[in-house]
């Protein structure tokens, strides 16, 4: 079974880790975050392995980079020598917004398989959209393994890298705009005298509402 590591396990990294758990099992998930309390709480809840960046880079088959884009340079200064010395196959999976695969390779200081992704927050309930693209070093087997690991996150869509930033504005920000629209509808209804919560009762094929 493939080992999957998450360097940076915030809201998005944690949501993807939860999806991966359903696919490969918690025993094959390794997580690291600078917020030690948060990562311990996450591990206590999910039974994943708490690790460090060096171990993940040296041992995991899929290495998810969940740190903020401005922190990538500092991260790679620390782990690039480990990546260079590694003799087994691995795939870097970057969710850093606005950072190209070419830039990731330059920071890693090695030509290696890279998958760039842009998920959205609905992945936290298994209904997300994960856009992905990959470089020429990613094999079909690598890609199939990634897709299998992320299948419980929601839908996955392949896209050319030059279009991923524009597309992620739709899939990433789109749900937030829809939520604002729904909230505005609810606020408007309250302004017109309706209660915020409506209890719905279904009797056969008839729906009645009781305020």
C-alpha atoms as a PDB file:
ATOM      1  CA  UNK A   1       0.000   0.000   0.000  1.00  0.00           C
ATOM      2  CA  UNK A   2       1.272   3.452  -0.904  1.00  0.00           C
ATOM      3  CA  UNK A   3       2.277   5.839   1.878  1.00  0.00           C
ATOM      4  CA  UNK A   4       0.868   9.360   1.658  1.00  0.00           C
ATOM      5  CA  UNK A   5       2.409  12.264   3.533  1.00  0.00           C
ATOM      6  CA  UNK A   6       1.007  15.730   4.205  1.00  0.00           C
ATOM      7  CA  UNK A   7       3.428  18.546   4.991  1.00  0.00           C
ATOM      8  CA  UNK A   8       1.067  21.210   6.262  1.00  0.00           C
ATOM      9  CA  UNK A   9      -2.241  19.930   7.564  1.00  0.00           C
ATOM     10  CA  UNK A  10      -4.495  22.970   7.885  1.00  0.00           C
ATOM     11  CA  UNK A  11      -8.111  23.131   6.765  1.00  0.00           C
ATOM     12  CA  UNK A  12      -7.434  22.034   3.192  1.00  0.00           C
ATOM     13  CA  UNK A  13      -4.607  19.617   3.942  1.00  0.00           C
ATOM     14  CA  UNK A  14      -6.666  18.069   6.709  1.00  0.00           C
ATOM     15  CA  UNK A  15      -9.690  17.679   4.431  1.00  0.00           C
ATOM     16  CA  UNK A  16      -7.595  15.914   1.790  1.00  0.00           C
ATOM     17  CA  UNK A  17      -5.980  13.726   4.441  1.00  0.00           C
ATOM     18  CA  UNK A  18      -9.426  12.655   5.637  1.00  0.00           C
ATOM     19  CA  UNK A  19     -10.335  11.694   2.061  1.00  0.00           C
ATOM     20  CA  UNK A  20      -7.095   9.726   1.686  1.00  0.00           C
ATOM     21  CA  UNK A  21      -7.766   7.863   4.934  1.00  0.00           C
ATOM     22  CA  UNK A  22     -10.915   6.384   3.408  1.00  0.00           C
ATOM     23  CA  UNK A  23      -8.905   5.157   0.450  1.00  0.00           C
ATOM     24  CA  UNK A  24      -5.621   3.863   1.879  1.00  0.00           C
ATOM     25  CA  UNK A  25      -6.260   3.666   5.633  1.00  0.00           C
ATOM     26  CA  UNK A  26      -5.019   5.849   8.467  1.00  0.00           C
ATOM     27  CA  UNK A  27      -1.971   3.646   9.035  1.00  0.00           C
ATOM     28  CA  UNK A  28      -0.609   4.745   5.642  1.00  0.00           C
ATOM     29  CA  UNK A  29      -1.093   8.479   6.239  1.00  0.00           C
ATOM     30  CA  UNK A  30       1.705  10.615   7.719  1.00  0.00           C
ATOM     31  CA  UNK A  31       1.108  14.232   8.702  1.00  0.00           C
ATOM     32  CA  UNK A  32       3.224  17.169   9.799  1.00  0.00           C
ATOM     33  CA  UNK A  33       2.351  20.725  10.744  1.00  0.00           C
ATOM     34  CA  UNK A  34       4.175  23.442  12.644  1.00  0.00           C
ATOM     35  CA  UNK A  35       1.099  23.748  14.868  1.00  0.00           C
ATOM     36  CA  UNK A  36       1.873  20.763  17.074  1.00  0.00           C
ATOM     37  CA  UNK A  37      -1.355  20.915  19.090  1.00  0.00           C
ATOM     38  CA  UNK A  38      -3.505  20.989  15.980  1.00  0.00           C
ATOM     39  CA  UNK A  39      -1.690  18.053  14.430  1.00  0.00           C
ATOM     40  CA  UNK A  40      -1.889  16.037  17.650  1.00  0.00           C
ATOM     41  CA  UNK A  41      -5.625  16.686  17.893  1.00  0.00           C
ATOM     42  CA  UNK A  42      -6.015  15.655  14.261  1.00  0.00           C
ATOM     43  CA  UNK A  43      -4.067  12.451  14.847  1.00  0.00           C
ATOM     44  CA  UNK A  44      -6.041  11.612  17.986  1.00  0.00           C
ATOM     45  CA  UNK A  45      -9.251  11.975  15.996  1.00  0.00           C
ATOM     46  CA  UNK A  46      -8.181  10.095  12.860  1.00  0.00           C
ATOM     47  CA  UNK A  47      -5.411   7.678  14.011  1.00  0.00           C
ATOM     48  CA  UNK A  48      -2.968   8.914  11.354  1.00  0.00           C
ATOM     49  CA  UNK A  49       0.775   8.991  12.037  1.00  0.00           C
ATOM     50  CA  UNK A  50       2.294  12.230  13.318  1.00  0.00           C
ATOM     51  CA  UNK A  51       5.649  12.703  11.606  1.00  0.00           C
ATOM     52  CA  UNK A  52       8.079  15.381  10.481  1.00  0.00           C
ATOM     53  CA  UNK A  53       8.845  16.868   7.085  1.00  0.00           C
ATOM     54  CA  UNK A  54      12.121  14.986   6.730  1.00  0.00           C
ATOM     55  CA  UNK A  55      10.537  11.572   7.310  1.00  0.00           C
ATOM     56  CA  UNK A  56       7.695  12.289   4.902  1.00  0.00           C
ATOM     57  CA  UNK A  57      10.042  13.444   2.148  1.00  0.00           C
ATOM     58  CA  UNK A  58      12.287  10.412   2.641  1.00  0.00           C
ATOM     59  CA  UNK A  59       9.643   7.700   2.957  1.00  0.00           C
ATOM     60  CA  UNK A  60       6.258   8.627   1.490  1.00  0.00           C
ATOM     61  CA  UNK A  61       5.223   7.777  -2.054  1.00  0.00           C
ATOM     62  CA  UNK A  62       2.932  10.798  -2.458  1.00  0.00           C
ATOM     63  CA  UNK A  63       4.133  13.964  -0.721  1.00  0.00           C
ATOM     64  CA  UNK A  64       1.389  16.582  -0.425  1.00  0.00           C
ATOM     65  CA  UNK A  65       2.702  20.117   0.008  1.00  0.00           C
ATOM     66  CA  UNK A  66       0.071  21.951   2.037  1.00  0.00           C
ATOM     67  CA  UNK A  67       2.092  24.920   3.260  1.00  0.00           C
ATOM     68  CA  UNK A  68       1.368  28.482   2.175  1.00  0.00           C
ATOM     69  CA  UNK A  69       3.037  29.499  -1.110  1.00  0.00           C
ATOM     70  CA  UNK A  70       5.369  31.971   0.614  1.00  0.00           C
ATOM     71  CA  UNK A  71       6.635  29.178   2.874  1.00  0.00           C
ATOM     72  CA  UNK A  72       7.638  26.780   0.093  1.00  0.00           C
ATOM     73  CA  UNK A  73      11.112  28.225  -0.388  1.00  0.00           C
ATOM     74  CA  UNK A  74      11.953  27.797   3.289  1.00  0.00           C
ATOM     75  CA  UNK A  75      10.548  24.261   3.277  1.00  0.00           C
ATOM     76  CA  UNK A  76      12.589  23.202   0.266  1.00  0.00           C
ATOM     77  CA  UNK A  77      15.766  24.717   1.674  1.00  0.00           C
ATOM     78  CA  UNK A  78      15.293  22.198   4.469  1.00  0.00           C
ATOM     79  CA  UNK A  79      14.219  19.111   2.521  1.00  0.00           C
ATOM     80  CA  UNK A  80      15.796  19.513  -0.940  1.00  0.00           C
ATOM     81  CA  UNK A  81      19.000  17.672   0.073  1.00  0.00           C
ATOM     82  CA  UNK A  82      16.858  14.751   1.285  1.00  0.00           C
ATOM     83  CA  UNK A  83      14.918  14.709  -1.971  1.00  0.00           C
ATOM     84  CA  UNK A  84      18.156  14.722  -3.967  1.00  0.00           C
ATOM     85  CA  UNK A  85      19.522  11.717  -2.064  1.00  0.00           C
ATOM     86  CA  UNK A  86      16.324   9.689  -2.279  1.00  0.00           C
ATOM     87  CA  UNK A  87      16.664   6.496  -4.351  1.00  0.00           C
ATOM     88  CA  UNK A  88      13.019   5.350  -4.407  1.00  0.00           C
ATOM     89  CA  UNK A  89      10.199   6.756  -6.529  1.00  0.00           C
ATOM     90  CA  UNK A  90       7.980   9.555  -5.200  1.00  0.00           C
ATOM     91  CA  UNK A  91       5.503  12.141  -6.421  1.00  0.00           C
ATOM     92  CA  UNK A  92       5.220  15.706  -5.176  1.00  0.00           C
ATOM     93  CA  UNK A  93       1.637  16.967  -4.975  1.00  0.00           C
ATOM     94  CA  UNK A  94       1.460  20.740  -4.610  1.00  0.00           C
ATOM     95  CA  UNK A  95      -1.653  22.663  -3.616  1.00  0.00           C
ATOM     96  CA  UNK A  96       0.183  26.006  -3.445  1.00  0.00           C
ATOM     97  CA  UNK A  97      -1.864  28.600  -5.318  1.00  0.00           C
ATOM     98  CA  UNK A  98      -0.056  30.427  -8.089  1.00  0.00           C
ATOM     99  CA  UNK A  99       3.128  28.330  -7.926  1.00  0.00           C
ATOM    100  CA  UNK A 100       3.943  26.530 -11.173  1.00  0.00           C
ATOM    101  CA  UNK A 101       5.308  23.019 -11.443  1.00  0.00           C
ATOM    102  CA  UNK A 102       8.474  24.491 -12.951  1.00  0.00           C
ATOM    103  CA  UNK A 103       8.962  26.609  -9.827  1.00  0.00           C
ATOM    104  CA  UNK A 104       8.381  23.574  -7.600  1.00  0.00           C
ATOM    105  CA  UNK A 105      11.036  21.625  -9.529  1.00  0.00           C
ATOM    106  CA  UNK A 106      13.495  24.514  -9.230  1.00  0.00           C
ATOM    107  CA  UNK A 107      13.007  24.666  -5.464  1.00  0.00           C
ATOM    108  CA  UNK A 108      13.264  20.880  -5.156  1.00  0.00           C
ATOM    109  CA  UNK A 109      16.473  21.045  -7.209  1.00  0.00           C
ATOM    110  CA  UNK A 110      15.606  17.843  -9.063  1.00  0.00           C
ATOM    111  CA  UNK A 111      13.507  16.727 -12.007  1.00  0.00           C
ATOM    112  CA  UNK A 112      10.754  14.631 -10.479  1.00  0.00           C
ATOM    113  CA  UNK A 113       7.066  13.773 -10.907  1.00  0.00           C
ATOM    114  CA  UNK A 114       4.881  16.694  -9.834  1.00  0.00           C
ATOM    115  CA  UNK A 115       1.104  16.913  -9.647  1.00  0.00           C
ATOM    116  CA  UNK A 116      -0.314  20.374  -9.091  1.00  0.00           C
ATOM    117  CA  UNK A 117      -3.792  20.543  -7.602  1.00  0.00           C
ATOM    118  CA  UNK A 118      -6.379  23.131  -6.631  1.00  0.00           C
ATOM    119  CA  UNK A 119      -9.098  21.709  -4.361  1.00  0.00           C
ATOM    120  CA  UNK A 120     -11.976  23.587  -2.766  1.00  0.00           C
ATOM    121  CA  UNK A 121     -13.440  23.405   0.722  1.00  0.00           C
ATOM    122  CA  UNK A 122     -16.394  21.122  -0.148  1.00  0.00           C
ATOM    123  CA  UNK A 123     -13.797  18.317  -0.199  1.00  0.00           C
ATOM    124  CA  UNK A 124     -14.231  18.392   3.594  1.00  0.00           C
ATOM    125  CA  UNK A 125     -17.617  16.702   3.103  1.00  0.00           C
ATOM    126  CA  UNK A 126     -16.605  14.593   0.116  1.00  0.00           C
ATOM    127  CA  UNK A 127     -18.339  16.849  -2.401  1.00  0.00           C
ATOM    128  CA  UNK A 128     -15.419  18.935  -3.587  1.00  0.00           C
ATOM    129  CA  UNK A 129     -13.785  19.696  -6.894  1.00  0.00           C
ATOM    130  CA  UNK A 130     -10.088  18.913  -7.249  1.00  0.00           C
ATOM    131  CA  UNK A 131      -8.478  20.352 -10.361  1.00  0.00           C
ATOM    132  CA  UNK A 132      -5.161  18.733 -11.242  1.00  0.00           C
ATOM    133  CA  UNK A 133      -2.374  18.843 -13.780  1.00  0.00           C
ATOM    134  CA  UNK A 134       0.921  16.991 -13.982  1.00  0.00           C
ATOM    135  CA  UNK A 135       4.348  17.258 -15.549  1.00  0.00           C
ATOM    136  CA  UNK A 136       6.010  14.891 -18.006  1.00  0.00           C
ATOM    137  CA  UNK A 137       7.570  12.749 -15.261  1.00  0.00           C
ATOM    138  CA  UNK A 138       4.220  11.570 -13.887  1.00  0.00           C
ATOM    139  CA  UNK A 139       3.339   8.118 -15.192  1.00  0.00           C
ATOM    140  CA  UNK A 140      -0.150   6.755 -15.746  1.00  0.00           C
ATOM    141  CA  UNK A 141       0.375   4.543 -12.696  1.00  0.00           C
ATOM    142  CA  UNK A 142       1.344   7.602 -10.619  1.00  0.00           C
ATOM    143  CA  UNK A 143      -1.752   9.461 -11.771  1.00  0.00           C
ATOM    144  CA  UNK A 144      -4.043   6.489 -11.176  1.00  0.00           C
ATOM    145  CA  UNK A 145      -2.679   6.183  -7.644  1.00  0.00           C
ATOM    146  CA  UNK A 146      -3.327   9.873  -6.984  1.00  0.00           C
ATOM    147  CA  UNK A 147      -6.868   9.688  -8.346  1.00  0.00           C
ATOM    148  CA  UNK A 148      -7.599   6.609  -6.248  1.00  0.00           C
ATOM    149  CA  UNK A 149      -6.262   8.312  -3.115  1.00  0.00           C
ATOM    150  CA  UNK A 150      -8.435  11.379  -3.696  1.00  0.00           C
ATOM    151  CA  UNK A 151     -11.609   9.681  -4.905  1.00  0.00           C
ATOM    152  CA  UNK A 152     -13.458  10.346  -1.630  1.00  0.00           C
ATOM    153  CA  UNK A 153     -12.731  14.082  -1.845  1.00  0.00           C
ATOM    154  CA  UNK A 154     -15.314  14.523  -4.604  1.00  0.00           C
ATOM    155  CA  UNK A 155     -14.816  15.089  -8.312  1.00  0.00           C
ATOM    156  CA  UNK A 156     -11.416  15.341  -9.975  1.00  0.00           C
ATOM    157  CA  UNK A 157     -10.850  17.248 -13.185  1.00  0.00           C
ATOM    158  CA  UNK A 158      -7.704  17.318 -15.318  1.00  0.00           C
ATOM    159  CA  UNK A 159      -6.751  20.681 -16.801  1.00  0.00           C
ATOM    160  CA  UNK A 160      -3.799  22.305 -18.531  1.00  0.00           C
ATOM    161  CA  UNK A 161      -1.547  24.177 -16.125  1.00  0.00           C
ATOM    162  CA  UNK A 162      -1.926  27.495 -17.931  1.00  0.00           C
ATOM    163  CA  UNK A 163      -5.673  27.359 -17.209  1.00  0.00           C
ATOM    164  CA  UNK A 164      -5.625  26.088 -13.628  1.00  0.00           C
ATOM    165  CA  UNK A 165      -5.480  29.511 -11.947  1.00  0.00           C
ATOM    166  CA  UNK A 166      -8.492  30.794 -13.865  1.00  0.00           C
ATOM    167  CA  UNK A 167     -10.435  27.572 -13.340  1.00  0.00           C
ATOM    168  CA  UNK A 168      -9.663  27.520  -9.625  1.00  0.00           C
ATOM    169  CA  UNK A 169     -11.220  30.967  -9.287  1.00  0.00           C
ATOM    170  CA  UNK A 170     -14.469  29.350 -10.422  1.00  0.00           C
ATOM    171  CA  UNK A 171     -14.282  26.074  -8.512  1.00  0.00           C
ATOM    172  CA  UNK A 172     -12.464  27.512  -5.498  1.00  0.00           C
ATOM    173  CA  UNK A 173     -14.323  30.789  -5.009  1.00  0.00           C
ATOM    174  CA  UNK A 174     -17.571  29.744  -6.685  1.00  0.00           C
ATOM    175  CA  UNK A 175     -19.005  27.846  -3.697  1.00  0.00           C
ATOM    176  CA  UNK A 176     -18.361  30.856  -1.452  1.00  0.00           C
ATOM    177  CA  UNK A 177     -20.334  33.112  -3.799  1.00  0.00           C
ATOM    178  CA  UNK A 178     -23.170  30.557  -3.910  1.00  0.00           C
ATOM    179  CA  UNK A 179     -23.226  30.452  -0.097  1.00  0.00           C
ATOM    180  CA  UNK A 180     -23.410  34.264   0.004  1.00  0.00           C
ATOM    181  CA  UNK A 181     -26.283  34.185  -2.485  1.00  0.00           C
ATOM    182  CA  UNK A 182     -28.161  31.588  -0.395  1.00  0.00           C
ATOM    183  CA  UNK A 183     -27.545  33.579   2.771  1.00  0.00           C
ATOM    184  CA  UNK A 184     -28.835  36.736   1.089  1.00  0.00           C
ATOM    185  CA  UNK A 185     -32.012  34.891   0.067  1.00  0.00           C
ATOM    186  CA  UNK A 186     -32.520  33.772   3.655  1.00  0.00           C
ATOM    187  CA  UNK A 187     -31.887  37.297   4.973  1.00  0.00           C
ATOM    188  CA  UNK A 188     -34.418  38.651   2.498  1.00  0.00           C
ATOM    189  CA  UNK A 189     -37.009  36.131   3.632  1.00  0.00           C
ATOM    190  CA  UNK A 190     -36.475  37.111   7.273  1.00  0.00           C
ATOM    191  CA  UNK A 191     -36.857  40.791   6.346  1.00  0.00           C
ATOM    192  CA  UNK A 192     -40.231  39.863   4.847  1.00  0.00           C
ATOM    193  CA  UNK A 193     -41.363  38.246   8.085  1.00  0.00           C
ATOM    194  CA  UNK A 194     -40.426  34.579   7.679  1.00  0.00           C
ATOM    195  CA  UNK A 195     -38.665  32.702  10.432  1.00  0.00           C
ATOM    196  CA  UNK A 196     -34.978  31.868   9.978  1.00  0.00           C
ATOM    197  CA  UNK A 197     -35.699  28.138  10.547  1.00  0.00           C
ATOM    198  CA  UNK A 198     -38.547  26.384   8.775  1.00  0.00           C
ATOM    199  CA  UNK A 199     -39.528  22.828   9.755  1.00  0.00           C
ATOM    200  CA  UNK A 200     -40.430  20.728   6.744  1.00  0.00           C
ATOM    201  CA  UNK A 201     -42.742  17.721   7.072  1.00  0.00           C
ATOM    202  CA  UNK A 202     -43.161  15.274   4.205  1.00  0.00           C
ATOM    203  CA  UNK A 203     -46.405  13.318   3.998  1.00  0.00           C
ATOM    204  CA  UNK A 204     -46.325  10.962   1.032  1.00  0.00           C
ATOM    205  CA  UNK A 205     -45.739  13.299  -1.940  1.00  0.00           C
ATOM    206  CA  UNK A 206     -46.962  16.465  -0.238  1.00  0.00           C
ATOM    207  CA  UNK A 207     -44.609  18.907   1.450  1.00  0.00           C
ATOM    208  CA  UNK A 208     -45.960  21.279   4.062  1.00  0.00           C
ATOM    209  CA  UNK A 209     -43.983  23.915   5.926  1.00  0.00           C
ATOM    210  CA  UNK A 210     -44.506  24.962   9.500  1.00  0.00           C
ATOM    211  CA  UNK A 211     -42.828  28.091  10.816  1.00  0.00           C
END
